[in-house]
């Protein structure tokens, strides 16, 4: 038991150090980090859903799509990521229906591609992107850690017993409140005041992160697997650690895009949207 705890602790420290260092440097290091995350997520998605067994040609296309998206993230123009992803997802859906392939392939392309694109878009290349990424981490990590604490301490009715029997409503509510508080405190450390919109967005991101956690639990239960992979000693796979984060990233990125389209400010960054800049 002590050996397993030591392994988990060391892995957690290494993961946090790599993530925060990439976030600090931004630019190419962070884009490589986001691209690598997309590739690892698709690898785990493909493995969990058994795509190589049920739809080998579809899985091959999925890999081509995600590699192209990752290459664009790392070395191309991040702003082209969303159109590129849209084209690949539409093509994947057409292939699925024309060939009667697995629907998990286009789902994997969307999930893995949007994970890297949204994370890279949030970080951007300036100090506000750095702040926005830290804000996202504070909300998601605060939600995840304190939901576990409140759930174990208070217990009570289960949140989604058929999907994740360990999660409770007390944990979900406690985690949400904690995520909003931590995100708000971090925002106040950057700025002299905080807008109601930022608080509401913290609430939305906290809820989204818990939905992401439940979504991955659903996939694992659907395919009868315990962990998404064994890539991280003591923790399972990458998806096991970032399931909540990527859903929060999706939410922030898509809301910012919708806001830019609605207001006509096409150049509004995700950070500007989050903090009302």
C-alpha atoms as a PDB file:
ATOM      1  CA  UNK A   1       0.000   0.000   0.000  1.00  0.00           C
ATOM      2  CA  UNK A   2       2.817   2.383   0.898  1.00  0.00           C
ATOM      3  CA  UNK A   3       4.569   1.540  -2.372  1.00  0.00           C
ATOM      4  CA  UNK A   4       1.399   2.291  -4.375  1.00  0.00           C
ATOM      5  CA  UNK A   5       0.894   5.608  -2.565  1.00  0.00           C
ATOM      6  CA  UNK A   6       4.515   6.570  -3.223  1.00  0.00           C
ATOM      7  CA  UNK A   7       4.072   5.747  -6.899  1.00  0.00           C
ATOM      8  CA  UNK A   8       0.889   7.818  -7.117  1.00  0.00           C
ATOM      9  CA  UNK A   9       2.521  10.752  -5.323  1.00  0.00           C
ATOM     10  CA  UNK A  10       5.606  10.779  -7.546  1.00  0.00           C
ATOM     11  CA  UNK A  11       3.473  10.520 -10.695  1.00  0.00           C
ATOM     12  CA  UNK A  12       1.227  13.363  -9.502  1.00  0.00           C
ATOM     13  CA  UNK A  13       4.225  15.619  -8.784  1.00  0.00           C
ATOM     14  CA  UNK A  14       5.765  14.904 -12.181  1.00  0.00           C
ATOM     15  CA  UNK A  15       2.461  15.506 -14.004  1.00  0.00           C
ATOM     16  CA  UNK A  16       1.848  18.773 -12.155  1.00  0.00           C
ATOM     17  CA  UNK A  17       5.419  19.965 -12.799  1.00  0.00           C
ATOM     18  CA  UNK A  18       5.248  19.198 -16.535  1.00  0.00           C
ATOM     19  CA  UNK A  19       1.788  20.778 -16.893  1.00  0.00           C
ATOM     20  CA  UNK A  20       2.639  23.951 -14.990  1.00  0.00           C
ATOM     21  CA  UNK A  21       6.014  24.333 -16.709  1.00  0.00           C
ATOM     22  CA  UNK A  22       4.410  24.030 -20.157  1.00  0.00           C
ATOM     23  CA  UNK A  23       1.714  26.514 -19.086  1.00  0.00           C
ATOM     24  CA  UNK A  24       4.339  28.966 -17.822  1.00  0.00           C
ATOM     25  CA  UNK A  25       6.406  28.859 -21.020  1.00  0.00           C
ATOM     26  CA  UNK A  26       3.410  28.892 -23.371  1.00  0.00           C
ATOM     27  CA  UNK A  27       4.195  29.138 -27.069  1.00  0.00           C
ATOM     28  CA  UNK A  28       5.654  26.067 -28.757  1.00  0.00           C
ATOM     29  CA  UNK A  29       6.207  24.062 -25.527  1.00  0.00           C
ATOM     30  CA  UNK A  30       2.545  24.374 -24.588  1.00  0.00           C
ATOM     31  CA  UNK A  31       1.365  23.669 -28.106  1.00  0.00           C
ATOM     32  CA  UNK A  32       3.494  20.511 -28.123  1.00  0.00           C
ATOM     33  CA  UNK A  33       1.957  19.617 -24.762  1.00  0.00           C
ATOM     34  CA  UNK A  34      -1.574  20.080 -26.168  1.00  0.00           C
ATOM     35  CA  UNK A  35      -0.710  18.114 -29.327  1.00  0.00           C
ATOM     36  CA  UNK A  36       0.725  15.267 -27.263  1.00  0.00           C
ATOM     37  CA  UNK A  37      -2.407  15.204 -25.128  1.00  0.00           C
ATOM     38  CA  UNK A  38      -4.589  14.845 -28.239  1.00  0.00           C
ATOM     39  CA  UNK A  39      -2.537  11.898 -29.485  1.00  0.00           C
ATOM     40  CA  UNK A  40      -2.531  10.114 -26.120  1.00  0.00           C
ATOM     41  CA  UNK A  41      -6.258  10.656 -25.665  1.00  0.00           C
ATOM     42  CA  UNK A  42      -7.023   9.158 -29.074  1.00  0.00           C
ATOM     43  CA  UNK A  43      -4.738   6.209 -28.313  1.00  0.00           C
ATOM     44  CA  UNK A  44      -6.657   5.496 -25.106  1.00  0.00           C
ATOM     45  CA  UNK A  45     -10.045   6.112 -26.724  1.00  0.00           C
ATOM     46  CA  UNK A  46      -9.195   3.691 -29.554  1.00  0.00           C
ATOM     47  CA  UNK A  47      -7.959   1.080 -27.092  1.00  0.00           C
ATOM     48  CA  UNK A  48     -10.947   1.370 -24.731  1.00  0.00           C
ATOM     49  CA  UNK A  49     -13.545   1.231 -27.511  1.00  0.00           C
ATOM     50  CA  UNK A  50     -11.657  -1.598 -29.281  1.00  0.00           C
ATOM     51  CA  UNK A  51     -11.590   0.259 -32.595  1.00  0.00           C
ATOM     52  CA  UNK A  52      -8.679  -1.773 -34.062  1.00  0.00           C
ATOM     53  CA  UNK A  53     -10.766  -4.911 -33.554  1.00  0.00           C
ATOM     54  CA  UNK A  54     -14.156  -3.707 -34.813  1.00  0.00           C
ATOM     55  CA  UNK A  55     -13.226  -1.063 -37.409  1.00  0.00           C
ATOM     56  CA  UNK A  56      -9.549  -1.209 -38.369  1.00  0.00           C
ATOM     57  CA  UNK A  57      -9.859   1.028 -41.451  1.00  0.00           C
ATOM     58  CA  UNK A  58     -11.934   3.534 -39.522  1.00  0.00           C
ATOM     59  CA  UNK A  59      -9.342   3.569 -36.749  1.00  0.00           C
ATOM     60  CA  UNK A  60      -6.603   4.177 -39.330  1.00  0.00           C
ATOM     61  CA  UNK A  61      -8.507   7.213 -40.606  1.00  0.00           C
ATOM     62  CA  UNK A  62      -8.973   8.384 -37.016  1.00  0.00           C
ATOM     63  CA  UNK A  63      -5.239   8.252 -36.453  1.00  0.00           C
ATOM     64  CA  UNK A  64      -4.556  10.198 -39.664  1.00  0.00           C
ATOM     65  CA  UNK A  65      -7.056  12.859 -38.586  1.00  0.00           C
ATOM     66  CA  UNK A  66      -5.711  13.250 -35.046  1.00  0.00           C
ATOM     67  CA  UNK A  67      -2.064  13.243 -36.191  1.00  0.00           C
ATOM     68  CA  UNK A  68      -2.848  16.026 -38.695  1.00  0.00           C
ATOM     69  CA  UNK A  69      -4.669  18.026 -36.019  1.00  0.00           C
ATOM     70  CA  UNK A  70      -1.796  17.518 -33.565  1.00  0.00           C
ATOM     71  CA  UNK A  71       0.788  18.517 -36.199  1.00  0.00           C
ATOM     72  CA  UNK A  72      -1.149  21.704 -36.914  1.00  0.00           C
ATOM     73  CA  UNK A  73      -1.325  22.441 -33.190  1.00  0.00           C
ATOM     74  CA  UNK A  74       2.402  21.959 -32.730  1.00  0.00           C
ATOM     75  CA  UNK A  75       3.761  23.580 -35.886  1.00  0.00           C
ATOM     76  CA  UNK A  76       0.890  25.289 -37.728  1.00  0.00           C
ATOM     77  CA  UNK A  77      -1.751  27.939 -37.119  1.00  0.00           C
ATOM     78  CA  UNK A  78      -3.877  27.202 -34.045  1.00  0.00           C
ATOM     79  CA  UNK A  79      -6.728  29.292 -35.476  1.00  0.00           C
ATOM     80  CA  UNK A  80      -7.079  26.705 -38.263  1.00  0.00           C
ATOM     81  CA  UNK A  81      -7.618  23.947 -35.704  1.00  0.00           C
ATOM     82  CA  UNK A  82     -11.402  24.245 -35.446  1.00  0.00           C
ATOM     83  CA  UNK A  83     -12.057  24.232 -39.238  1.00  0.00           C
ATOM     84  CA  UNK A  84      -9.603  21.363 -39.673  1.00  0.00           C
ATOM     85  CA  UNK A  85     -11.303  19.387 -36.905  1.00  0.00           C
ATOM     86  CA  UNK A  86     -14.730  20.098 -38.388  1.00  0.00           C
ATOM     87  CA  UNK A  87     -13.631  18.781 -41.777  1.00  0.00           C
ATOM     88  CA  UNK A  88     -12.203  15.590 -40.309  1.00  0.00           C
ATOM     89  CA  UNK A  89     -15.249  14.941 -38.119  1.00  0.00           C
ATOM     90  CA  UNK A  90     -17.654  15.399 -41.063  1.00  0.00           C
ATOM     91  CA  UNK A  91     -15.522  13.060 -43.178  1.00  0.00           C
ATOM     92  CA  UNK A  92     -15.393  10.541 -40.328  1.00  0.00           C
ATOM     93  CA  UNK A  93     -19.184  10.627 -40.006  1.00  0.00           C
ATOM     94  CA  UNK A  94     -19.600  10.095 -43.759  1.00  0.00           C
ATOM     95  CA  UNK A  95     -17.217   7.140 -43.634  1.00  0.00           C
ATOM     96  CA  UNK A  96     -19.102   5.714 -40.670  1.00  0.00           C
ATOM     97  CA  UNK A  97     -22.444   5.809 -42.488  1.00  0.00           C
ATOM     98  CA  UNK A  98     -21.153   4.779 -45.910  1.00  0.00           C
ATOM     99  CA  UNK A  99     -19.122   1.876 -44.555  1.00  0.00           C
ATOM    100  CA  UNK A 100     -21.304   1.144 -41.523  1.00  0.00           C
ATOM    101  CA  UNK A 101     -18.249   1.522 -39.349  1.00  0.00           C
ATOM    102  CA  UNK A 102     -18.051   2.212 -35.638  1.00  0.00           C
ATOM    103  CA  UNK A 103     -19.549   5.459 -34.357  1.00  0.00           C
ATOM    104  CA  UNK A 104     -16.823   5.547 -31.740  1.00  0.00           C
ATOM    105  CA  UNK A 105     -14.276   6.573 -34.386  1.00  0.00           C
ATOM    106  CA  UNK A 106     -15.749  10.013 -35.245  1.00  0.00           C
ATOM    107  CA  UNK A 107     -16.452  10.458 -31.544  1.00  0.00           C
ATOM    108  CA  UNK A 108     -12.802   9.810 -30.777  1.00  0.00           C
ATOM    109  CA  UNK A 109     -11.594  12.251 -33.433  1.00  0.00           C
ATOM    110  CA  UNK A 110     -13.876  14.948 -32.017  1.00  0.00           C
ATOM    111  CA  UNK A 111     -12.975  14.270 -28.373  1.00  0.00           C
ATOM    112  CA  UNK A 112      -9.207  14.013 -28.897  1.00  0.00           C
ATOM    113  CA  UNK A 113      -8.960  16.839 -31.434  1.00  0.00           C
ATOM    114  CA  UNK A 114     -11.086  19.281 -29.479  1.00  0.00           C
ATOM    115  CA  UNK A 115      -9.104  18.499 -26.311  1.00  0.00           C
ATOM    116  CA  UNK A 116      -5.871  19.816 -27.768  1.00  0.00           C
ATOM    117  CA  UNK A 117      -7.403  22.643 -29.800  1.00  0.00           C
ATOM    118  CA  UNK A 118      -9.405  24.102 -26.921  1.00  0.00           C
ATOM    119  CA  UNK A 119      -6.512  23.864 -24.469  1.00  0.00           C
ATOM    120  CA  UNK A 120      -4.100  25.572 -26.893  1.00  0.00           C
ATOM    121  CA  UNK A 121      -6.664  28.273 -27.687  1.00  0.00           C
ATOM    122  CA  UNK A 122      -7.223  29.038 -24.003  1.00  0.00           C
ATOM    123  CA  UNK A 123      -3.489  29.338 -23.286  1.00  0.00           C
ATOM    124  CA  UNK A 124      -2.875  31.509 -26.340  1.00  0.00           C
ATOM    125  CA  UNK A 125       0.387  33.426 -26.380  1.00  0.00           C
ATOM    126  CA  UNK A 126       0.017  36.226 -23.846  1.00  0.00           C
ATOM    127  CA  UNK A 127      -0.193  36.720 -20.078  1.00  0.00           C
ATOM    128  CA  UNK A 128      -3.999  36.704 -20.131  1.00  0.00           C
ATOM    129  CA  UNK A 129      -3.933  33.254 -21.684  1.00  0.00           C
ATOM    130  CA  UNK A 130      -1.639  32.144 -18.877  1.00  0.00           C
ATOM    131  CA  UNK A 131      -4.105  33.548 -16.331  1.00  0.00           C
ATOM    132  CA  UNK A 132      -7.056  31.905 -18.069  1.00  0.00           C
ATOM    133  CA  UNK A 133      -5.337  28.514 -18.047  1.00  0.00           C
ATOM    134  CA  UNK A 134      -4.523  28.816 -14.337  1.00  0.00           C
ATOM    135  CA  UNK A 135      -8.138  29.852 -13.717  1.00  0.00           C
ATOM    136  CA  UNK A 136      -9.307  26.720 -15.518  1.00  0.00           C
ATOM    137  CA  UNK A 137      -6.906  24.532 -13.516  1.00  0.00           C
ATOM    138  CA  UNK A 138      -8.068  26.097 -10.241  1.00  0.00           C
ATOM    139  CA  UNK A 139     -11.737  25.474 -11.013  1.00  0.00           C
ATOM    140  CA  UNK A 140     -11.266  21.908 -12.282  1.00  0.00           C
ATOM    141  CA  UNK A 141      -8.710  20.740  -9.721  1.00  0.00           C
ATOM    142  CA  UNK A 142     -10.615  22.405  -6.889  1.00  0.00           C
ATOM    143  CA  UNK A 143     -13.805  20.718  -8.027  1.00  0.00           C
ATOM    144  CA  UNK A 144     -12.201  17.305  -8.423  1.00  0.00           C
ATOM    145  CA  UNK A 145     -10.223  17.201  -5.166  1.00  0.00           C
ATOM    146  CA  UNK A 146     -12.851  18.716  -2.905  1.00  0.00           C
ATOM    147  CA  UNK A 147     -15.714  16.747  -4.471  1.00  0.00           C
ATOM    148  CA  UNK A 148     -13.882  13.629  -3.319  1.00  0.00           C
ATOM    149  CA  UNK A 149     -13.359  15.121   0.154  1.00  0.00           C
ATOM    150  CA  UNK A 150     -16.990  16.230   0.604  1.00  0.00           C
ATOM    151  CA  UNK A 151     -18.334  13.009  -0.859  1.00  0.00           C
ATOM    152  CA  UNK A 152     -16.309  10.847   1.517  1.00  0.00           C
ATOM    153  CA  UNK A 153     -17.020  13.069   4.541  1.00  0.00           C
ATOM    154  CA  UNK A 154     -20.760  13.654   4.058  1.00  0.00           C
ATOM    155  CA  UNK A 155     -21.943  10.815   1.821  1.00  0.00           C
ATOM    156  CA  UNK A 156     -25.644  10.719   1.043  1.00  0.00           C
ATOM    157  CA  UNK A 157     -27.605  10.078  -2.166  1.00  0.00           C
ATOM    158  CA  UNK A 158     -25.654   8.883  -5.189  1.00  0.00           C
ATOM    159  CA  UNK A 159     -25.212  11.225  -8.119  1.00  0.00           C
ATOM    160  CA  UNK A 160     -25.284   8.650 -10.932  1.00  0.00           C
ATOM    161  CA  UNK A 161     -25.179   5.157  -9.424  1.00  0.00           C
ATOM    162  CA  UNK A 162     -25.418   3.317 -12.759  1.00  0.00           C
ATOM    163  CA  UNK A 163     -22.439   5.188 -14.186  1.00  0.00           C
ATOM    164  CA  UNK A 164     -20.192   5.958 -11.206  1.00  0.00           C
ATOM    165  CA  UNK A 165     -21.428   4.426  -7.927  1.00  0.00           C
ATOM    166  CA  UNK A 166     -18.894   6.298  -5.786  1.00  0.00           C
ATOM    167  CA  UNK A 167     -20.059   9.818  -6.650  1.00  0.00           C
ATOM    168  CA  UNK A 168     -22.598  11.576  -4.414  1.00  0.00           C
ATOM    169  CA  UNK A 169     -24.679  14.739  -4.627  1.00  0.00           C
ATOM    170  CA  UNK A 170     -22.867  16.109  -1.566  1.00  0.00           C
ATOM    171  CA  UNK A 171     -19.550  15.663  -3.352  1.00  0.00           C
ATOM    172  CA  UNK A 172     -20.854  17.233  -6.561  1.00  0.00           C
ATOM    173  CA  UNK A 173     -22.276  20.293  -4.776  1.00  0.00           C
ATOM    174  CA  UNK A 174     -19.279  20.672  -2.458  1.00  0.00           C
ATOM    175  CA  UNK A 175     -16.895  20.349  -5.385  1.00  0.00           C
ATOM    176  CA  UNK A 176     -18.801  22.898  -7.447  1.00  0.00           C
ATOM    177  CA  UNK A 177     -18.835  25.476  -4.653  1.00  0.00           C
ATOM    178  CA  UNK A 178     -15.128  24.873  -4.012  1.00  0.00           C
ATOM    179  CA  UNK A 179     -14.236  25.199  -7.698  1.00  0.00           C
ATOM    180  CA  UNK A 180     -16.124  28.495  -7.978  1.00  0.00           C
ATOM    181  CA  UNK A 181     -14.486  29.852  -4.821  1.00  0.00           C
ATOM    182  CA  UNK A 182     -10.960  28.876  -5.901  1.00  0.00           C
ATOM    183  CA  UNK A 183     -11.489  30.258  -9.404  1.00  0.00           C
ATOM    184  CA  UNK A 184     -12.827  33.514  -7.948  1.00  0.00           C
ATOM    185  CA  UNK A 185      -9.937  33.848  -5.484  1.00  0.00           C
ATOM    186  CA  UNK A 186      -7.421  33.284  -8.269  1.00  0.00           C
ATOM    187  CA  UNK A 187      -9.149  35.882 -10.452  1.00  0.00           C
ATOM    188  CA  UNK A 188      -9.008  38.416  -7.611  1.00  0.00           C
ATOM    189  CA  UNK A 189      -5.274  37.766  -7.302  1.00  0.00           C
ATOM    190  CA  UNK A 190      -4.926  38.892 -10.941  1.00  0.00           C
ATOM    191  CA  UNK A 191      -7.435  41.748 -11.005  1.00  0.00           C
ATOM    192  CA  UNK A 192      -8.811  44.229  -8.475  1.00  0.00           C
ATOM    193  CA  UNK A 193     -12.358  42.981  -8.956  1.00  0.00           C
ATOM    194  CA  UNK A 194     -14.298  40.065 -10.393  1.00  0.00           C
ATOM    195  CA  UNK A 195     -17.291  40.251 -12.691  1.00  0.00           C
ATOM    196  CA  UNK A 196     -20.489  38.232 -12.146  1.00  0.00           C
ATOM    197  CA  UNK A 197     -19.895  36.679 -15.569  1.00  0.00           C
ATOM    198  CA  UNK A 198     -16.569  35.219 -14.442  1.00  0.00           C
ATOM    199  CA  UNK A 199     -18.251  33.690 -11.386  1.00  0.00           C
ATOM    200  CA  UNK A 200     -21.008  32.207 -13.549  1.00  0.00           C
ATOM    201  CA  UNK A 201     -18.429  30.842 -15.969  1.00  0.00           C
ATOM    202  CA  UNK A 202     -16.546  29.247 -13.085  1.00  0.00           C
ATOM    203  CA  UNK A 203     -19.822  27.576 -12.114  1.00  0.00           C
ATOM    204  CA  UNK A 204     -20.378  26.350 -15.681  1.00  0.00           C
ATOM    205  CA  UNK A 205     -16.813  25.038 -15.958  1.00  0.00           C
ATOM    206  CA  UNK A 206     -17.088  23.217 -12.627  1.00  0.00           C
ATOM    207  CA  UNK A 207     -20.307  21.502 -13.704  1.00  0.00           C
ATOM    208  CA  UNK A 208     -18.778  20.692 -17.112  1.00  0.00           C
ATOM    209  CA  UNK A 209     -15.757  19.099 -15.472  1.00  0.00           C
ATOM    210  CA  UNK A 210     -17.999  16.766 -13.470  1.00  0.00           C
ATOM    211  CA  UNK A 211     -19.974  15.879 -16.588  1.00  0.00           C
ATOM    212  CA  UNK A 212     -16.665  15.035 -18.268  1.00  0.00           C
ATOM    213  CA  UNK A 213     -15.765  12.747 -15.377  1.00  0.00           C
ATOM    214  CA  UNK A 214     -19.124  10.972 -15.654  1.00  0.00           C
ATOM    215  CA  UNK A 215     -18.762  10.712 -19.434  1.00  0.00           C
ATOM    216  CA  UNK A 216     -15.482   8.842 -19.159  1.00  0.00           C
ATOM    217  CA  UNK A 217     -16.940   6.633 -16.417  1.00  0.00           C
ATOM    218  CA  UNK A 218     -19.791   5.794 -18.815  1.00  0.00           C
ATOM    219  CA  UNK A 219     -17.348   4.750 -21.546  1.00  0.00           C
ATOM    220  CA  UNK A 220     -15.313   2.612 -19.156  1.00  0.00           C
ATOM    221  CA  UNK A 221     -18.429   0.937 -17.809  1.00  0.00           C
ATOM    222  CA  UNK A 222     -19.776   0.456 -21.356  1.00  0.00           C
ATOM    223  CA  UNK A 223     -16.617  -1.437 -22.372  1.00  0.00           C
ATOM    224  CA  UNK A 224     -15.856  -3.048 -19.029  1.00  0.00           C
ATOM    225  CA  UNK A 225     -12.481  -1.434 -18.349  1.00  0.00           C
ATOM    226  CA  UNK A 226     -11.156  -0.078 -15.066  1.00  0.00           C
ATOM    227  CA  UNK A 227      -8.660   2.481 -16.414  1.00  0.00           C
ATOM    228  CA  UNK A 228      -8.283   4.151 -19.786  1.00  0.00           C
ATOM    229  CA  UNK A 229      -4.717   2.749 -19.962  1.00  0.00           C
ATOM    230  CA  UNK A 230      -1.674   2.145 -17.774  1.00  0.00           C
ATOM    231  CA  UNK A 231       0.469   4.999 -19.086  1.00  0.00           C
ATOM    232  CA  UNK A 232       0.685   6.827 -15.740  1.00  0.00           C
ATOM    233  CA  UNK A 233       2.051   4.739 -12.844  1.00  0.00           C
ATOM    234  CA  UNK A 234      -0.463   4.583 -10.012  1.00  0.00           C
ATOM    235  CA  UNK A 235      -3.059   6.671 -11.851  1.00  0.00           C
ATOM    236  CA  UNK A 236      -4.163   4.716 -14.891  1.00  0.00           C
ATOM    237  CA  UNK A 237      -4.330   6.643 -18.135  1.00  0.00           C
ATOM    238  CA  UNK A 238      -4.253  10.213 -19.421  1.00  0.00           C
ATOM    239  CA  UNK A 239      -8.043  10.295 -19.882  1.00  0.00           C
ATOM    240  CA  UNK A 240      -8.469   9.240 -16.251  1.00  0.00           C
ATOM    241  CA  UNK A 241      -6.630  12.383 -15.193  1.00  0.00           C
ATOM    242  CA  UNK A 242      -7.917  14.933 -17.718  1.00  0.00           C
ATOM    243  CA  UNK A 243     -11.531  13.849 -18.298  1.00  0.00           C
ATOM    244  CA  UNK A 244     -12.909  16.770 -16.293  1.00  0.00           C
ATOM    245  CA  UNK A 245     -10.330  19.240 -17.611  1.00  0.00           C
ATOM    246  CA  UNK A 246     -11.042  18.578 -21.277  1.00  0.00           C
ATOM    247  CA  UNK A 247     -14.801  19.014 -20.840  1.00  0.00           C
ATOM    248  CA  UNK A 248     -14.184  22.314 -19.051  1.00  0.00           C
ATOM    249  CA  UNK A 249     -11.882  23.324 -21.921  1.00  0.00           C
ATOM    250  CA  UNK A 250     -14.568  22.388 -24.446  1.00  0.00           C
ATOM    251  CA  UNK A 251     -17.084  24.538 -22.577  1.00  0.00           C
ATOM    252  CA  UNK A 252     -14.827  27.595 -22.294  1.00  0.00           C
ATOM    253  CA  UNK A 253     -13.687  27.368 -25.917  1.00  0.00           C
ATOM    254  CA  UNK A 254     -17.127  26.799 -27.439  1.00  0.00           C
ATOM    255  CA  UNK A 255     -18.768  29.500 -25.317  1.00  0.00           C
ATOM    256  CA  UNK A 256     -16.047  31.961 -26.336  1.00  0.00           C
ATOM    257  CA  UNK A 257     -16.559  31.079 -30.016  1.00  0.00           C
ATOM    258  CA  UNK A 258     -20.333  31.460 -29.676  1.00  0.00           C
ATOM    259  CA  UNK A 259     -19.886  34.809 -27.903  1.00  0.00           C
ATOM    260  CA  UNK A 260     -17.517  36.048 -30.620  1.00  0.00           C
ATOM    261  CA  UNK A 261     -19.959  35.007 -33.349  1.00  0.00           C
ATOM    262  CA  UNK A 262     -22.917  36.581 -31.536  1.00  0.00           C
ATOM    263  CA  UNK A 263     -21.206  39.905 -30.828  1.00  0.00           C
ATOM    264  CA  UNK A 264     -19.256  40.084 -34.082  1.00  0.00           C
ATOM    265  CA  UNK A 265     -15.899  40.321 -32.286  1.00  0.00           C
ATOM    266  CA  UNK A 266     -14.175  37.508 -34.135  1.00  0.00           C
ATOM    267  CA  UNK A 267     -10.797  38.199 -32.539  1.00  0.00           C
ATOM    268  CA  UNK A 268     -11.960  37.899 -28.926  1.00  0.00           C
ATOM    269  CA  UNK A 269      -9.680  35.474 -27.056  1.00  0.00           C
ATOM    270  CA  UNK A 270     -10.940  32.826 -24.668  1.00  0.00           C
ATOM    271  CA  UNK A 271      -9.122  34.666 -21.854  1.00  0.00           C
ATOM    272  CA  UNK A 272     -10.863  37.911 -22.798  1.00  0.00           C
ATOM    273  CA  UNK A 273     -14.198  36.132 -22.727  1.00  0.00           C
ATOM    274  CA  UNK A 274     -13.537  34.490 -19.341  1.00  0.00           C
ATOM    275  CA  UNK A 275     -12.450  37.700 -17.620  1.00  0.00           C
ATOM    276  CA  UNK A 276     -14.649  40.131 -19.538  1.00  0.00           C
ATOM    277  CA  UNK A 277     -11.673  41.986 -21.035  1.00  0.00           C
END
